[in-house]
Amino acid sequence: MKRLSICLLLLMAAFAVTPVMAGAQKKADKATAQWRYDIEPAGDNARQGTAMIKVWSYSKKDKIAINQAAKNAIHGVLFKGYGSTKPMVDAATAEQNKAFFDSFFQEGGGFRQYVQFTNNGAVKPTDRIKIGKEWKIGLVVVVSKDQLRKDLEAKGILKKLGYMF
């Protein structure tokens, strides 16, 4: 009987925590929709076809900023560019394919397959900065930019690089 009551108590606690975590993710997605981040090259030692970049994400909770870093990195490569590298997608193409990109950047969307965290997503102490009431978190990630471009070309979102010839 005691085991049953303990199991029920643990089950109830799990159900109580799940909505809180889902609410935090919804807030993170809402904050990400504003696309507040900075992106910069992080070195030349990435494999060919990939880009090693550092993305700085902003959030009131540091864990949310860490979770959103992958999404911000892909968004930066696609729409913002980094260093001397131009963005892959121009504003007109982004607007024409808004529905695709909205689903692409949803939690569980396709963006995750193109990004990997270095150091297993661990943040260096110097890359965790408190600014007022929010955190600025810097993470180095590797983006498979050639594979991303190839897949977007296959879906008809981007034109092939040699389409004019």
Protein backbone atom coordinates (compact mmCIF):
# COMPACT_ATOMS: atom_id res chain seq x y z
CA MET A 1 0.00 0.00 0.00
CA LYS A 2 2.86 2.33 0.85
CA ARG A 3 4.49 1.66 -2.53
CA LEU A 4 1.27 2.41 -4.35
CA SER A 5 0.86 5.74 -2.59
CA ILE A 6 4.48 6.68 -3.34
CA CYS A 7 4.03 5.78 -7.02
CA LEU A 8 0.84 7.81 -7.21
CA LEU A 9 2.55 10.77 -5.55
CA LEU A 10 5.46 10.60 -8.02
CA LEU A 11 3.05 10.30 -10.94
CA MET A 12 1.10 13.35 -9.78
CA ALA A 13 4.32 15.32 -9.37
CA ALA A 14 5.40 14.41 -12.91
CA PHE A 15 2.08 15.64 -14.30
CA ALA A 16 2.36 18.86 -12.29
CA VAL A 17 5.85 19.62 -13.64
CA THR A 18 5.09 18.89 -17.32
CA PRO A 19 2.82 21.94 -17.90
CA VAL A 20 5.39 24.20 -16.24
CA MET A 21 8.11 22.93 -18.58
CA ALA A 22 5.81 23.25 -21.59
CA GLY A 23 5.00 26.81 -20.55
CA ALA A 24 8.69 27.65 -20.32
CA GLN A 25 9.24 26.28 -23.83
CA LYS A 26 6.33 28.34 -25.18
CA LYS A 27 7.85 31.45 -23.60
CA ALA A 28 11.21 30.54 -25.13
CA ASP A 29 9.64 30.11 -28.56
CA LYS A 30 7.87 33.45 -28.18
CA ALA A 31 11.17 35.10 -27.22
CA THR A 32 12.91 33.39 -30.14
CA ALA A 33 10.30 34.76 -32.54
CA GLN A 34 11.88 38.16 -31.86
CA TRP A 35 15.23 36.66 -32.99
CA ARG A 36 17.41 38.47 -30.46
CA TYR A 37 20.89 37.06 -30.88
CA ASP A 38 24.36 37.89 -32.16
CA ILE A 39 26.39 35.63 -34.40
CA GLU A 40 30.10 35.63 -35.24
CA PRO A 41 32.68 33.25 -36.75
CA ALA A 42 34.38 31.11 -34.11
CA GLY A 43 37.36 29.71 -35.94
CA ASP A 44 38.63 28.08 -39.09
CA ASN A 45 39.01 24.55 -37.79
CA ALA A 46 35.60 23.33 -38.95
CA ARG A 47 35.34 20.60 -41.58
CA GLN A 48 34.68 21.58 -45.17
CA GLY A 49 30.98 22.25 -45.74
CA THR A 50 30.43 23.32 -42.15
CA ALA A 51 30.74 26.59 -40.30
CA MET A 52 31.96 26.98 -36.74
CA ILE A 53 30.14 29.96 -35.27
CA LYS A 54 29.53 31.50 -31.90
CA VAL A 55 25.97 32.49 -31.19
CA TRP A 56 25.02 34.81 -28.32
CA SER A 57 21.43 34.26 -27.16
CA TYR A 58 19.50 36.48 -24.78
CA SER A 59 16.85 35.36 -22.29
CA LYS A 60 15.64 35.93 -18.75
CA LYS A 61 16.59 32.33 -17.95
CA ASP A 62 20.02 31.03 -18.86
CA LYS A 63 18.80 27.50 -19.62
CA ILE A 64 16.30 28.82 -22.15
CA ALA A 65 19.05 30.82 -23.87
CA ILE A 66 21.15 27.67 -24.11
CA ASN A 67 18.26 25.69 -25.59
CA GLN A 68 17.50 28.39 -28.15
CA ALA A 69 21.12 28.71 -29.31
CA ALA A 70 20.76 26.01 -31.99
CA LYS A 71 17.70 27.69 -33.44
CA ASN A 72 19.43 31.07 -33.40
CA ALA A 73 22.52 29.67 -35.11
CA ILE A 74 20.56 28.23 -38.03
CA HIS A 75 18.48 31.39 -38.31
CA GLY A 76 21.66 33.46 -38.41
CA VAL A 77 23.24 31.36 -41.15
CA LEU A 78 20.04 31.51 -43.21
CA PHE A 79 18.89 35.11 -42.78
CA LYS A 80 21.59 37.22 -41.14
CA GLY A 81 24.98 35.94 -42.25
CA TYR A 82 28.10 35.97 -40.09
CA GLY A 83 31.48 37.58 -40.48
CA SER A 84 32.02 38.15 -44.21
CA THR A 85 29.61 35.34 -45.16
CA LYS A 86 26.34 36.53 -46.64
CA PRO A 87 22.98 35.04 -45.63
CA MET A 88 21.66 32.13 -47.70
CA VAL A 89 18.10 33.41 -47.93
CA ASP A 90 17.05 36.89 -49.00
CA ALA A 91 14.03 38.71 -47.56
CA ALA A 92 11.77 38.02 -50.56
CA THR A 93 12.44 34.27 -50.47
CA ALA A 94 11.90 34.22 -46.71
CA GLU A 95 8.52 35.92 -47.10
CA GLN A 96 7.44 33.61 -49.95
CA ASN A 97 8.29 30.54 -47.84
CA LYS A 98 7.12 31.85 -44.46
CA ALA A 99 4.98 28.78 -43.72
CA PHE A 100 7.92 26.45 -44.39
CA PHE A 101 10.30 28.40 -42.17
CA ASP A 102 7.71 28.70 -39.37
CA SER A 103 7.38 24.92 -39.22
CA PHE A 104 11.13 24.44 -39.77
CA PHE A 105 11.94 26.48 -36.64
CA GLN A 106 9.27 24.96 -34.38
CA GLU A 107 10.49 22.80 -31.51
CA GLY A 108 11.13 19.42 -33.09
CA GLY A 109 11.36 21.05 -36.54
CA GLY A 110 13.99 20.28 -39.13
CA PHE A 111 16.55 22.85 -37.97
CA ARG A 112 18.12 20.53 -35.36
CA GLN A 113 19.66 18.16 -37.90
CA TYR A 114 21.98 20.87 -39.21
CA VAL A 115 23.57 22.00 -35.95
CA GLN A 116 25.87 20.41 -33.37
CA PHE A 117 27.08 21.87 -30.10
CA THR A 118 30.77 21.84 -29.33
CA ASN A 119 31.66 20.86 -25.75
CA ASN A 120 28.28 19.08 -25.51
CA GLY A 121 26.58 22.45 -25.07
CA ALA A 122 28.60 23.40 -22.01
CA VAL A 123 28.97 27.16 -21.57
CA LYS A 124 32.31 28.64 -20.59
CA PRO A 125 32.11 30.83 -17.49
CA THR A 126 33.24 33.83 -19.54
CA ASP A 127 30.36 33.24 -21.99
CA ARG A 128 27.64 33.53 -19.34
CA ILE A 129 26.97 37.23 -18.80
CA LYS A 130 24.20 38.78 -16.69
CA ILE A 131 22.89 42.00 -18.27
CA GLY A 132 20.22 43.63 -16.16
CA LYS A 133 17.45 41.08 -15.70
CA GLU A 134 18.49 38.77 -18.49
CA TRP A 135 21.34 36.50 -19.51
CA LYS A 136 23.60 36.69 -22.53
CA ILE A 137 24.84 33.18 -23.24
CA GLY A 138 27.53 32.40 -25.83
CA LEU A 139 27.85 28.94 -27.36
CA VAL A 140 30.06 27.66 -30.13
CA VAL A 141 28.18 25.48 -32.61
CA VAL A 142 28.96 23.78 -35.90
CA VAL A 143 26.40 24.28 -38.68
CA SER A 144 26.27 21.91 -41.66
CA LYS A 145 25.73 24.75 -44.11
CA ASP A 146 26.36 22.77 -47.31
CA GLN A 147 23.85 20.09 -46.32
CA LEU A 148 21.35 22.78 -45.29
CA ARG A 149 21.73 24.51 -48.66
CA LYS A 150 21.43 21.21 -50.55
CA ASP A 151 18.21 20.30 -48.72
CA LEU A 152 16.70 23.76 -49.26
CA GLU A 153 17.57 23.53 -52.98
CA ALA A 154 15.91 20.09 -53.17
CA LYS A 155 12.74 21.58 -51.63
CA GLY A 156 12.75 24.39 -54.17
CA ILE A 157 13.28 27.14 -51.62
CA LEU A 158 16.75 28.13 -52.83
CA LYS A 159 17.98 28.15 -56.41
CA LYS A 160 20.98 26.01 -57.21
CA LEU A 161 24.27 27.90 -57.17
CA GLY A 162 24.87 27.37 -60.91
CA TYR A 163 21.26 27.98 -62.03
CA MET A 164 22.25 30.81 -64.42
CA PHE A 165 24.63 28.65 -66.51
